[in-house]
């Protein structure tokens, strides 16, 4: 439905009360710009809630997610640090699975 070419995860926490304008301002502050066909992920400090802002080339979409149990496997807070994810890692992340073990990062290269 919405084309996404790149997925970016911010390590700094965001207040989950943020609406679309505040989330967009946060994307610009952290990533420098909201590029078309990119998704930007933020979590609260405890990593129990997540917001995703997507710029589809025309406007922006803002979605929120929380798990019924547990928390998201979010990297530790590192000021100014962003991580690019692939679609497979995003699927694992939103399910609450350890996404760091999925995709290229989880490849076995040595026996």
PDB file of N, CA and C in Angstrom:
ATOM      1  N   UNK A   1       0.824  -1.193   0.000  1.00  0.00           N
ATOM      2  CA  UNK A   1       0.000   0.000   0.000  1.00  0.00           C
ATOM      3  C   UNK A   1       0.864   1.251   0.000  1.00  0.00           C
ATOM      4  N   UNK A   2       1.875   1.297   0.856  1.00  0.00           N
ATOM      5  CA  UNK A   2       2.776   2.442   0.912  1.00  0.00           C
ATOM      6  C   UNK A   2       4.171   1.943   0.573  1.00  0.00           C
ATOM      7  N   UNK A   3       4.795   2.539  -0.427  1.00  0.00           N
ATOM      8  CA  UNK A   3       6.145   2.121  -0.816  1.00  0.00           C
ATOM      9  C   UNK A   3       7.155   2.624   0.209  1.00  0.00           C
ATOM     10  N   UNK A   4       7.977   1.713   0.724  1.00  0.00           N
ATOM     11  CA  UNK A   4       9.032   2.075   1.670  1.00  0.00           C
ATOM     12  C   UNK A   4      10.337   1.519   1.134  1.00  0.00           C
ATOM     13  N   UNK A   5      11.275   2.408   0.842  1.00  0.00           N
ATOM     14  CA  UNK A   5      12.576   2.012   0.307  1.00  0.00           C
ATOM     15  C   UNK A   5      13.648   1.897   1.383  1.00  0.00           C
ATOM     16  N   UNK A   6      13.504   2.642   2.471  1.00  0.00           N
ATOM     17  CA  UNK A   6      14.492   2.617   3.552  1.00  0.00           C
ATOM     18  C   UNK A   6      13.779   2.732   4.891  1.00  0.00           C
ATOM     19  N   UNK A   7      14.306   2.018   5.883  1.00  0.00           N
ATOM     20  CA  UNK A   7      13.726   2.003   7.229  1.00  0.00           C
ATOM     21  C   UNK A   7      14.823   2.430   8.192  1.00  0.00           C
ATOM     22  N   UNK A   8      14.558   3.472   8.948  1.00  0.00           N
ATOM     23  CA  UNK A   8      15.550   4.016   9.879  1.00  0.00           C
ATOM     24  C   UNK A   8      15.033   3.958  11.300  1.00  0.00           C
ATOM     25  N   UNK A   9      15.873   3.506  12.212  1.00  0.00           N
ATOM     26  CA  UNK A   9      15.538   3.395  13.628  1.00  0.00           C
ATOM     27  C   UNK A   9      16.376   4.406  14.401  1.00  0.00           C
ATOM     28  N   UNK A  10      15.730   5.208  15.227  1.00  0.00           N
ATOM     29  CA  UNK A  10      16.425   6.176  16.083  1.00  0.00           C
ATOM     30  C   UNK A  10      16.652   5.551  17.449  1.00  0.00           C
ATOM     31  N   UNK A  11      17.832   5.732  17.997  1.00  0.00           N
ATOM     32  CA  UNK A  11      18.128   5.142  19.301  1.00  0.00           C
ATOM     33  C   UNK A  11      17.690   6.043  20.458  1.00  0.00           C
ATOM     34  N   UNK A  12      17.543   7.334  20.211  1.00  0.00           N
ATOM     35  CA  UNK A  12      17.071   8.238  21.260  1.00  0.00           C
ATOM     36  C   UNK A  12      15.578   8.025  21.486  1.00  0.00           C
ATOM     37  N   UNK A  13      15.114   7.975  22.728  1.00  0.00           N
ATOM     38  CA  UNK A  13      13.683   7.770  22.977  1.00  0.00           C
ATOM     39  C   UNK A  13      12.859   8.996  22.585  1.00  0.00           C
ATOM     40  N   UNK A  14      11.577   8.752  22.308  1.00  0.00           N
ATOM     41  CA  UNK A  14      10.654   9.834  21.975  1.00  0.00           C
ATOM     42  C   UNK A  14       9.428   9.721  22.866  1.00  0.00           C
ATOM     43  N   UNK A  15       8.879  10.860  23.238  1.00  0.00           N
ATOM     44  CA  UNK A  15       7.652  10.908  24.017  1.00  0.00           C
ATOM     45  C   UNK A  15       6.510  10.400  23.135  1.00  0.00           C
ATOM     46  N   UNK A  16       5.815   9.377  23.559  1.00  0.00           N
ATOM     47  CA  UNK A  16       4.775   8.760  22.748  1.00  0.00           C
ATOM     48  C   UNK A  16       3.505   9.595  22.673  1.00  0.00           C
ATOM     49  N   UNK A  17       3.453  10.703  23.392  1.00  0.00           N
ATOM     50  CA  UNK A  17       2.320  11.620  23.258  1.00  0.00           C
ATOM     51  C   UNK A  17       2.460  12.482  22.007  1.00  0.00           C
ATOM     52  N   UNK A  18       3.606  12.405  21.353  1.00  0.00           N
ATOM     53  CA  UNK A  18       3.874  13.224  20.168  1.00  0.00           C
ATOM     54  C   UNK A  18       2.886  12.897  19.052  1.00  0.00           C
ATOM     55  N   UNK A  19       2.373  13.958  18.436  1.00  0.00           N
ATOM     56  CA  UNK A  19       1.496  13.808  17.284  1.00  0.00           C
ATOM     57  C   UNK A  19       2.312  13.878  16.000  1.00  0.00           C
ATOM     58  N   UNK A  20       1.630  14.009  14.902  1.00  0.00           N
ATOM     59  CA  UNK A  20       2.279  13.995  13.594  1.00  0.00           C
ATOM     60  C   UNK A  20       3.298  15.115  13.438  1.00  0.00           C
ATOM     61  N   UNK A  21       2.934  16.328  13.799  1.00  0.00           N
ATOM     62  CA  UNK A  21       3.848  17.465  13.621  1.00  0.00           C
ATOM     63  C   UNK A  21       5.091  17.330  14.500  1.00  0.00           C
ATOM     64  N   UNK A  22       4.903  16.917  15.744  1.00  0.00           N
ATOM     65  CA  UNK A  22       6.028  16.742  16.661  1.00  0.00           C
ATOM     66  C   UNK A  22       6.926  15.596  16.199  1.00  0.00           C
ATOM     67  N   UNK A  23       6.328  14.497  15.742  1.00  0.00           N
ATOM     68  CA  UNK A  23       7.113  13.374  15.245  1.00  0.00           C
ATOM     69  C   UNK A  23       7.888  13.767  13.989  1.00  0.00           C
ATOM     70  N   UNK A  24       7.264  14.535  13.100  1.00  0.00           N
ATOM     71  CA  UNK A  24       7.953  15.001  11.892  1.00  0.00           C
ATOM     72  C   UNK A  24       9.115  15.918  12.255  1.00  0.00           C
ATOM     73  N   UNK A  25       8.903  16.796  13.212  1.00  0.00           N
ATOM     74  CA  UNK A  25       9.991  17.676  13.675  1.00  0.00           C
ATOM     75  C   UNK A  25      11.128  16.851  14.268  1.00  0.00           C
ATOM     76  N   UNK A  26      10.788  15.785  14.963  1.00  0.00           N
ATOM     77  CA  UNK A  26      11.803  14.905  15.548  1.00  0.00           C
ATOM     78  C   UNK A  26      12.600  14.170  14.466  1.00  0.00           C
ATOM     79  N   UNK A  27      11.910  13.717  13.416  1.00  0.00           N
ATOM     80  CA  UNK A  27      12.592  13.066  12.290  1.00  0.00           C
ATOM     81  C   UNK A  27      13.587  14.024  11.665  1.00  0.00           C
ATOM     82  N   UNK A  28      13.173  15.258  11.442  1.00  0.00           N
ATOM     83  CA  UNK A  28      14.060  16.255  10.841  1.00  0.00           C
ATOM     84  C   UNK A  28      15.246  16.546  11.754  1.00  0.00           C
ATOM     85  N   UNK A  29      15.009  16.629  13.065  1.00  0.00           N
ATOM     86  CA  UNK A  29      16.096  16.897  14.015  1.00  0.00           C
ATOM     87  C   UNK A  29      17.091  15.740  14.074  1.00  0.00           C
ATOM     88  N   UNK A  30      16.593  14.507  14.051  1.00  0.00           N
ATOM     89  CA  UNK A  30      17.467  13.335  14.207  1.00  0.00           C
ATOM     90  C   UNK A  30      18.113  12.917  12.887  1.00  0.00           C
ATOM     91  N   UNK A  31      17.323  12.895  11.811  1.00  0.00           N
ATOM     92  CA  UNK A  31      17.803  12.358  10.532  1.00  0.00           C
ATOM     93  C   UNK A  31      18.155  13.439   9.511  1.00  0.00           C
ATOM     94  N   UNK A  32      17.864  14.688   9.816  1.00  0.00           N
ATOM     95  CA  UNK A  32      18.201  15.778   8.907  1.00  0.00           C
ATOM     96  C   UNK A  32      17.101  16.114   7.927  1.00  0.00           C
ATOM     97  N   UNK A  33      16.254  15.174   7.574  1.00  0.00           N
ATOM     98  CA  UNK A  33      15.142  15.387   6.644  1.00  0.00           C
ATOM     99  C   UNK A  33      14.229  14.175   6.688  1.00  0.00           C
ATOM    100  N   UNK A  34      12.996  14.383   6.269  1.00  0.00           N
ATOM    101  CA  UNK A  34      12.063  13.272   6.089  1.00  0.00           C
ATOM    102  C   UNK A  34      12.034  12.998   4.593  1.00  0.00           C
ATOM    103  N   UNK A  35      12.767  11.991   4.170  1.00  0.00           N
ATOM    104  CA  UNK A  35      12.899  11.686   2.742  1.00  0.00           C
ATOM    105  C   UNK A  35      11.708  10.862   2.262  1.00  0.00           C
ATOM    106  N   UNK A  36      11.298  11.078   1.007  1.00  0.00           N
ATOM    107  CA  UNK A  36      10.179  10.299   0.469  1.00  0.00           C
ATOM    108  C   UNK A  36      10.485   8.811   0.465  1.00  0.00           C
ATOM    109  N   UNK A  37       9.460   8.023   0.748  1.00  0.00           N
ATOM    110  CA  UNK A  37       9.510   6.561   0.742  1.00  0.00           C
ATOM    111  C   UNK A  37      10.458   6.003   1.800  1.00  0.00           C
ATOM    112  N   UNK A  38      10.553   6.716   2.917  1.00  0.00           N
ATOM    113  CA  UNK A  38      11.352   6.257   4.057  1.00  0.00           C
ATOM    114  C   UNK A  38      10.462   6.157   5.288  1.00  0.00           C
ATOM    115  N   UNK A  39      10.773   5.185   6.138  1.00  0.00           N
ATOM    116  CA  UNK A  39      10.076   5.006   7.411  1.00  0.00           C
ATOM    117  C   UNK A  39      11.059   5.305   8.531  1.00  0.00           C
ATOM    118  N   UNK A  40      10.585   6.003   9.551  1.00  0.00           N
ATOM    119  CA  UNK A  40      11.414   6.391  10.692  1.00  0.00           C
ATOM    120  C   UNK A  40      10.765   5.851  11.962  1.00  0.00           C
ATOM    121  N   UNK A  41      11.535   5.058  12.727  1.00  0.00           N
ATOM    122  CA  UNK A  41      11.017   4.387  13.914  1.00  0.00           C
ATOM    123  C   UNK A  41      11.573   5.014  15.185  1.00  0.00           C
ATOM    124  N   UNK A  42      10.689   5.188  16.163  1.00  0.00           N
ATOM    125  CA  UNK A  42      11.056   5.716  17.474  1.00  0.00           C
ATOM    126  C   UNK A  42      10.370   4.879  18.546  1.00  0.00           C
ATOM    127  N   UNK A  43      10.992   4.766  19.701  1.00  0.00           N
ATOM    128  CA  UNK A  43      10.385   4.072  20.841  1.00  0.00           C
ATOM    129  C   UNK A  43      10.430   4.988  22.055  1.00  0.00           C
ATOM    130  N   UNK A  44       9.619   4.654  23.055  1.00  0.00           N
ATOM    131  CA  UNK A  44       9.714   5.377  24.316  1.00  0.00           C
ATOM    132  C   UNK A  44      10.916   4.853  25.104  1.00  0.00           C
ATOM    133  N   UNK A  45      11.204   5.469  26.228  1.00  0.00           N
ATOM    134  CA  UNK A  45      12.400   5.127  27.000  1.00  0.00           C
ATOM    135  C   UNK A  45      12.429   3.657  27.432  1.00  0.00           C
ATOM    136  N   UNK A  46      11.275   3.090  27.775  1.00  0.00           N
ATOM    137  CA  UNK A  46      11.226   1.696  28.232  1.00  0.00           C
ATOM    138  C   UNK A  46      11.085   0.700  27.081  1.00  0.00           C
ATOM    139  N   UNK A  47      10.972   1.199  25.852  1.00  0.00           N
ATOM    140  CA  UNK A  47      10.811   0.370  24.652  1.00  0.00           C
ATOM    141  C   UNK A  47       9.559  -0.504  24.717  1.00  0.00           C
ATOM    142  N   UNK A  48       8.506   0.025  25.329  1.00  0.00           N
ATOM    143  CA  UNK A  48       7.242  -0.697  25.385  1.00  0.00           C
ATOM    144  C   UNK A  48       6.266  -0.204  24.314  1.00  0.00           C
ATOM    145  N   UNK A  49       6.588   0.933  23.712  1.00  0.00           N
ATOM    146  CA  UNK A  49       5.751   1.506  22.653  1.00  0.00           C
ATOM    147  C   UNK A  49       6.645   2.002  21.526  1.00  0.00           C
ATOM    148  N   UNK A  50       6.081   1.994  20.322  1.00  0.00           N
ATOM    149  CA  UNK A  50       6.846   2.412  19.153  1.00  0.00           C
ATOM    150  C   UNK A  50       5.954   3.268  18.262  1.00  0.00           C
ATOM    151  N   UNK A  51       6.548   4.270  17.617  1.00  0.00           N
ATOM    152  CA  UNK A  51       5.860   5.063  16.599  1.00  0.00           C
ATOM    153  C   UNK A  51       6.684   5.007  15.325  1.00  0.00           C
ATOM    154  N   UNK A  52       5.969   4.973  14.207  1.00  0.00           N
ATOM    155  CA  UNK A  52       6.599   4.931  12.893  1.00  0.00           C
ATOM    156  C   UNK A  52       6.015   6.063  12.069  1.00  0.00           C
ATOM    157  N   UNK A  53       6.897   6.902  11.544  1.00  0.00           N
ATOM    158  CA  UNK A  53       6.487   7.966  10.644  1.00  0.00           C
ATOM    159  C   UNK A  53       6.979   7.595   9.246  1.00  0.00           C
ATOM    160  N   UNK A  54       6.083   7.626   8.266  1.00  0.00           N
ATOM    161  CA  UNK A  54       6.423   7.303   6.885  1.00  0.00           C
ATOM    162  C   UNK A  54       6.075   8.491   6.009  1.00  0.00           C
ATOM    163  N   UNK A  55       7.025   8.905   5.184  1.00  0.00           N
ATOM    164  CA  UNK A  55       6.780   9.941   4.182  1.00  0.00           C
ATOM    165  C   UNK A  55       6.568   9.207   2.864  1.00  0.00           C
ATOM    166  N   UNK A  56       5.364   9.294   2.304  1.00  0.00           N
ATOM    167  CA  UNK A  56       5.036   8.534   1.095  1.00  0.00           C
ATOM    168  C   UNK A  56       5.275   9.312  -0.191  1.00  0.00           C
ATOM    169  N   UNK A  57       5.899  10.485  -0.098  1.00  0.00           N
ATOM    170  CA  UNK A  57       6.144  11.309  -1.270  1.00  0.00           C
ATOM    171  C   UNK A  57       5.110  12.409  -1.437  1.00  0.00           C
ATOM    172  N   UNK A  58       3.965  12.265  -0.782  1.00  0.00           N
ATOM    173  CA  UNK A  58       2.899  13.263  -0.858  1.00  0.00           C
ATOM    174  C   UNK A  58       2.611  13.849   0.515  1.00  0.00           C
ATOM    175  N   UNK A  59       2.557  13.005   1.511  1.00  0.00           N
ATOM    176  CA  UNK A  59       2.271  13.410   2.879  1.00  0.00           C
ATOM    177  C   UNK A  59       2.953  12.465   3.840  1.00  0.00           C
ATOM    178  N   UNK A  60       2.566  12.534   5.099  1.00  0.00           N
ATOM    179  CA  UNK A  60       3.173  11.657   6.096  1.00  0.00           C
ATOM    180  C   UNK A  60       2.098  10.824   6.784  1.00  0.00           C
ATOM    181  N   UNK A  61       2.494   9.629   7.188  1.00  0.00           N
ATOM    182  CA  UNK A  61       1.666   8.704   7.947  1.00  0.00           C
ATOM    183  C   UNK A  61       2.336   8.517   9.300  1.00  0.00           C
ATOM    184  N   UNK A  62       1.544   8.440  10.354  1.00  0.00           N
ATOM    185  CA  UNK A  62       2.081   8.177  11.684  1.00  0.00           C
ATOM    186  C   UNK A  62       1.300   7.010  12.280  1.00  0.00           C
ATOM    187  N   UNK A  63       2.028   5.980  12.669  1.00  0.00           N
ATOM    188  CA  UNK A  63       1.396   4.802  13.262  1.00  0.00           C
ATOM    189  C   UNK A  63       2.041   4.525  14.613  1.00  0.00           C
ATOM    190  N   UNK A  64       1.262   3.938  15.512  1.00  0.00           N
ATOM    191  CA  UNK A  64       1.769   3.580  16.836  1.00  0.00           C
ATOM    192  C   UNK A  64       1.551   2.087  17.053  1.00  0.00           C
ATOM    193  N   UNK A  65       2.432   1.497  17.842  1.00  0.00           N
ATOM    194  CA  UNK A  65       2.315   0.068  18.166  1.00  0.00           C
ATOM    195  C   UNK A  65       2.781  -0.151  19.592  1.00  0.00           C
ATOM    196  N   UNK A  66       2.075  -1.044  20.276  1.00  0.00           N
ATOM    197  CA  UNK A  66       2.535  -1.515  21.574  1.00  0.00           C
ATOM    198  C   UNK A  66       2.255  -2.990  21.633  1.00  0.00           C
ATOM    199  N   UNK A  67       3.095  -3.688  22.350  1.00  0.00           N
ATOM    200  CA  UNK A  67       2.914  -5.128  22.512  1.00  0.00           C
ATOM    201  C   UNK A  67       2.049  -5.386  23.740  1.00  0.00           C
ATOM    202  N   UNK A  68       1.263  -6.443  23.694  1.00  0.00           N
ATOM    203  CA  UNK A  68       0.454  -6.806  24.864  1.00  0.00           C
ATOM    204  C   UNK A  68       1.326  -7.253  26.023  1.00  0.00           C
ATOM    205  N   UNK A  69       2.464  -7.890  25.707  1.00  0.00           N
ATOM    206  CA  UNK A  69       3.404  -8.338  26.729  1.00  0.00           C
ATOM    207  C   UNK A  69       4.814  -8.051  26.247  1.00  0.00           C
ATOM    208  N   UNK A  70       5.704  -7.831  27.174  1.00  0.00           N
ATOM    209  CA  UNK A  70       7.110  -7.651  26.841  1.00  0.00           C
ATOM    210  C   UNK A  70       7.415  -6.274  26.289  1.00  0.00           C
ATOM    211  N   UNK A  71       8.547  -6.193  25.612  1.00  0.00           N
ATOM    212  CA  UNK A  71       8.985  -4.925  25.059  1.00  0.00           C
ATOM    213  C   UNK A  71       9.721  -5.167  23.753  1.00  0.00           C
ATOM    214  N   UNK A  72       9.922  -4.093  23.014  1.00  0.00           N
ATOM    215  CA  UNK A  72      10.636  -4.180  21.751  1.00  0.00           C
ATOM    216  C   UNK A  72      12.133  -4.324  22.022  1.00  0.00           C
ATOM    217  N   UNK A  73      12.817  -5.054  21.167  1.00  0.00           N
ATOM    218  CA  UNK A  73      14.270  -5.210  21.280  1.00  0.00           C
ATOM    219  C   UNK A  73      14.919  -3.986  20.646  1.00  0.00           C
ATOM    220  N   UNK A  74      15.000  -2.914  21.432  1.00  0.00           N
ATOM    221  CA  UNK A  74      15.527  -1.639  20.951  1.00  0.00           C
ATOM    222  C   UNK A  74      16.975  -1.522  21.378  1.00  0.00           C
ATOM    223  N   UNK A  75      17.834  -1.020  20.519  1.00  0.00           N
ATOM    224  CA  UNK A  75      19.237  -0.844  20.925  1.00  0.00           C
ATOM    225  C   UNK A  75      19.332   0.178  22.049  1.00  0.00           C
ATOM    226  N   UNK A  76      20.397   0.134  22.803  1.00  0.00           N
ATOM    227  CA  UNK A  76      20.597   1.088  23.888  1.00  0.00           C
ATOM    228  C   UNK A  76      20.631   2.519  23.374  1.00  0.00           C
ATOM    229  N   UNK A  77      20.362   3.445  24.245  1.00  0.00           N
ATOM    230  CA  UNK A  77      20.341   4.856  23.870  1.00  0.00           C
ATOM    231  C   UNK A  77      21.753   5.315  23.546  1.00  0.00           C
ATOM    232  N   UNK A  78      21.921   5.789  22.335  1.00  0.00           N
ATOM    233  CA  UNK A  78      23.194   6.363  21.886  1.00  0.00           C
ATOM    234  C   UNK A  78      22.863   7.651  21.172  1.00  0.00           C
ATOM    235  N   UNK A  79      23.155   8.770  21.790  1.00  0.00           N
ATOM    236  CA  UNK A  79      22.784  10.067  21.226  1.00  0.00           C
ATOM    237  C   UNK A  79      23.270  10.232  19.802  1.00  0.00           C
ATOM    238  N   UNK A  80      22.339  10.595  18.930  1.00  0.00           N
ATOM    239  CA  UNK A  80      22.676  10.867  17.543  1.00  0.00           C
ATOM    240  C   UNK A  80      22.972   9.637  16.717  1.00  0.00           C
ATOM    241  N   UNK A  81      22.606   8.447  17.174  1.00  0.00           N
ATOM    242  CA  UNK A  81      22.932   7.217  16.461  1.00  0.00           C
ATOM    243  C   UNK A  81      21.666   6.665  15.819  1.00  0.00           C
ATOM    244  N   UNK A  82      21.734   6.388  14.512  1.00  0.00           N
ATOM    245  CA  UNK A  82      20.607   5.823  13.790  1.00  0.00           C
ATOM    246  C   UNK A  82      21.039   4.514  13.143  1.00  0.00           C
ATOM    247  N   UNK A  83      20.084   3.610  12.964  1.00  0.00           N
ATOM    248  CA  UNK A  83      20.366   2.303  12.385  1.00  0.00           C
ATOM    249  C   UNK A  83      19.409   2.075  11.218  1.00  0.00           C
ATOM    250  N   UNK A  84      19.938   1.588  10.095  1.00  0.00           N
ATOM    251  CA  UNK A  84      19.078   1.252   8.960  1.00  0.00           C
ATOM    252  C   UNK A  84      18.707  -0.228   9.059  1.00  0.00           C
ATOM    253  N   UNK A  85      17.419  -0.519   8.908  1.00  0.00           N
ATOM    254  CA  UNK A  85      16.911  -1.883   8.963  1.00  0.00           C
ATOM    255  C   UNK A  85      16.429  -2.311   7.581  1.00  0.00           C
ATOM    256  N   UNK A  86      16.383  -3.619   7.355  1.00  0.00           N
ATOM    257  CA  UNK A  86      15.732  -4.109   6.145  1.00  0.00           C
ATOM    258  C   UNK A  86      14.314  -4.561   6.516  1.00  0.00           C
ATOM    259  N   UNK A  87      13.526  -4.929   5.518  1.00  0.00           N
ATOM    260  CA  UNK A  87      12.124  -5.283   5.753  1.00  0.00           C
ATOM    261  C   UNK A  87      11.984  -6.479   6.690  1.00  0.00           C
ATOM    262  N   UNK A  88      12.873  -7.448   6.558  1.00  0.00           N
ATOM    263  CA  UNK A  88      12.821  -8.632   7.418  1.00  0.00           C
ATOM    264  C   UNK A  88      13.098  -8.267   8.881  1.00  0.00           C
ATOM    265  N   UNK A  89      14.053  -7.383   9.104  1.00  0.00           N
ATOM    266  CA  UNK A  89      14.357  -6.940  10.462  1.00  0.00           C
ATOM    267  C   UNK A  89      13.188  -6.145  11.046  1.00  0.00           C
ATOM    268  N   UNK A  90      12.539  -5.321  10.221  1.00  0.00           N
ATOM    269  CA  UNK A  90      11.371  -4.563  10.688  1.00  0.00           C
ATOM    270  C   UNK A  90      10.258  -5.510  11.120  1.00  0.00           C
ATOM    271  N   UNK A  91       9.998  -6.550  10.342  1.00  0.00           N
ATOM    272  CA  UNK A  91       8.963  -7.520  10.698  1.00  0.00           C
ATOM    273  C   UNK A  91       9.255  -8.167  12.055  1.00  0.00           C
ATOM    274  N   UNK A  92      10.503  -8.526  12.285  1.00  0.00           N
ATOM    275  CA  UNK A  92      10.887  -9.117  13.572  1.00  0.00           C
ATOM    276  C   UNK A  92      10.718  -8.105  14.701  1.00  0.00           C
ATOM    277  N   UNK A  93      11.155  -6.873  14.466  1.00  0.00           N
ATOM    278  CA  UNK A  93      11.070  -5.827  15.493  1.00  0.00           C
ATOM    279  C   UNK A  93       9.637  -5.594  15.938  1.00  0.00           C
ATOM    280  N   UNK A  94       8.708  -5.426  14.994  1.00  0.00           N
ATOM    281  CA  UNK A  94       7.328  -5.121  15.376  1.00  0.00           C
ATOM    282  C   UNK A  94       6.634  -6.285  16.069  1.00  0.00           C
ATOM    283  N   UNK A  95       7.171  -7.499  15.904  1.00  0.00           N
ATOM    284  CA  UNK A  95       6.632  -8.655  16.624  1.00  0.00           C
ATOM    285  C   UNK A  95       7.261  -8.826  18.006  1.00  0.00           C
ATOM    286  N   UNK A  96       8.273  -8.018  18.306  1.00  0.00           N
ATOM    287  CA  UNK A  96       8.939  -8.119  19.600  1.00  0.00           C
ATOM    288  C   UNK A  96      10.069  -9.133  19.608  1.00  0.00           C
ATOM    289  N   UNK A  97      10.513  -9.556  18.428  1.00  0.00           N
ATOM    290  CA  UNK A  97      11.603 -10.525  18.321  1.00  0.00           C
ATOM    291  C   UNK A  97      12.950  -9.821  18.229  1.00  0.00           C
ATOM    292  N   UNK A  98      14.041 -10.515  18.528  1.00  0.00           N
ATOM    293  CA  UNK A  98      15.375  -9.905  18.444  1.00  0.00           C
ATOM    294  C   UNK A  98      15.797  -9.714  16.977  1.00  0.00           C
ATOM    295  N   UNK A  99      15.452  -8.588  16.413  1.00  0.00           N
ATOM    296  CA  UNK A  99      15.689  -8.290  14.996  1.00  0.00           C
ATOM    297  C   UNK A  99      17.168  -8.260  14.624  1.00  0.00           C
ATOM    298  N   UNK A 100      18.056  -8.054  15.610  1.00  0.00           N
ATOM    299  CA  UNK A 100      19.487  -7.988  15.331  1.00  0.00           C
ATOM    300  C   UNK A 100      20.015  -9.318  14.801  1.00  0.00           C
ATOM    301  N   UNK A 101      19.287 -10.407  15.043  1.00  0.00           N
ATOM    302  CA  UNK A 101      19.725 -11.743  14.610  1.00  0.00           C
ATOM    303  C   UNK A 101      19.156 -12.139  13.252  1.00  0.00           C
ATOM    304  N   UNK A 102      18.370 -11.260  12.646  1.00  0.00           N
ATOM    305  CA  UNK A 102      17.710 -11.544  11.382  1.00  0.00           C
ATOM    306  C   UNK A 102      18.418 -10.828  10.241  1.00  0.00           C
ATOM    307  N   UNK A 103      18.434 -11.435   9.068  1.00  0.00           N
ATOM    308  CA  UNK A 103      19.009 -10.810   7.883  1.00  0.00           C
ATOM    309  C   UNK A 103      20.507 -10.964   7.829  1.00  0.00           C
ATOM    310  N   UNK A 104      21.144 -10.043   7.134  1.00  0.00           N
ATOM    311  CA  UNK A 104      22.584 -10.105   6.910  1.00  0.00           C
ATOM    312  C   UNK A 104      23.355 -10.131   8.227  1.00  0.00           C
ATOM    313  N   UNK A 105      22.901  -9.380   9.208  1.00  0.00           N
ATOM    314  CA  UNK A 105      23.576  -9.336  10.499  1.00  0.00           C
ATOM    315  C   UNK A 105      23.585 -10.672  11.210  1.00  0.00           C
ATOM    316  N   UNK A 106      22.679 -11.576  10.862  1.00  0.00           N
ATOM    317  CA  UNK A 106      22.599 -12.874  11.492  1.00  0.00           C
ATOM    318  C   UNK A 106      23.245 -13.974  10.676  1.00  0.00           C
ATOM    319  N   UNK A 107      23.994 -13.614   9.622  1.00  0.00           N
ATOM    320  CA  UNK A 107      24.628 -14.615   8.764  1.00  0.00           C
ATOM    321  C   UNK A 107      25.746 -15.342   9.497  1.00  0.00           C
ATOM    322  N   UNK A 108      25.838 -16.644   9.260  1.00  0.00           N
ATOM    323  CA  UNK A 108      26.931 -17.452   9.809  1.00  0.00           C
ATOM    324  C   UNK A 108      28.047 -17.452   8.773  1.00  0.00           C
ATOM    325  N   UNK A 109      29.208 -16.964   9.145  1.00  0.00           N
ATOM    326  CA  UNK A 109      30.309 -16.843   8.188  1.00  0.00           C
ATOM    327  C   UNK A 109      31.529 -17.669   8.568  1.00  0.00           C
ATOM    328  N   UNK A 110      31.530 -18.254   9.756  1.00  0.00           N
ATOM    329  CA  UNK A 110      32.689 -18.999  10.214  1.00  0.00           C
ATOM    330  C   UNK A 110      32.240 -20.187  11.046  1.00  0.00           C
ATOM    331  N   UNK A 111      32.860 -21.332  10.823  1.00  0.00           N
ATOM    332  CA  UNK A 111      32.553 -22.526  11.621  1.00  0.00           C
ATOM    333  C   UNK A 111      33.645 -22.782  12.628  1.00  0.00           C
TER     334      UNK A 111
END
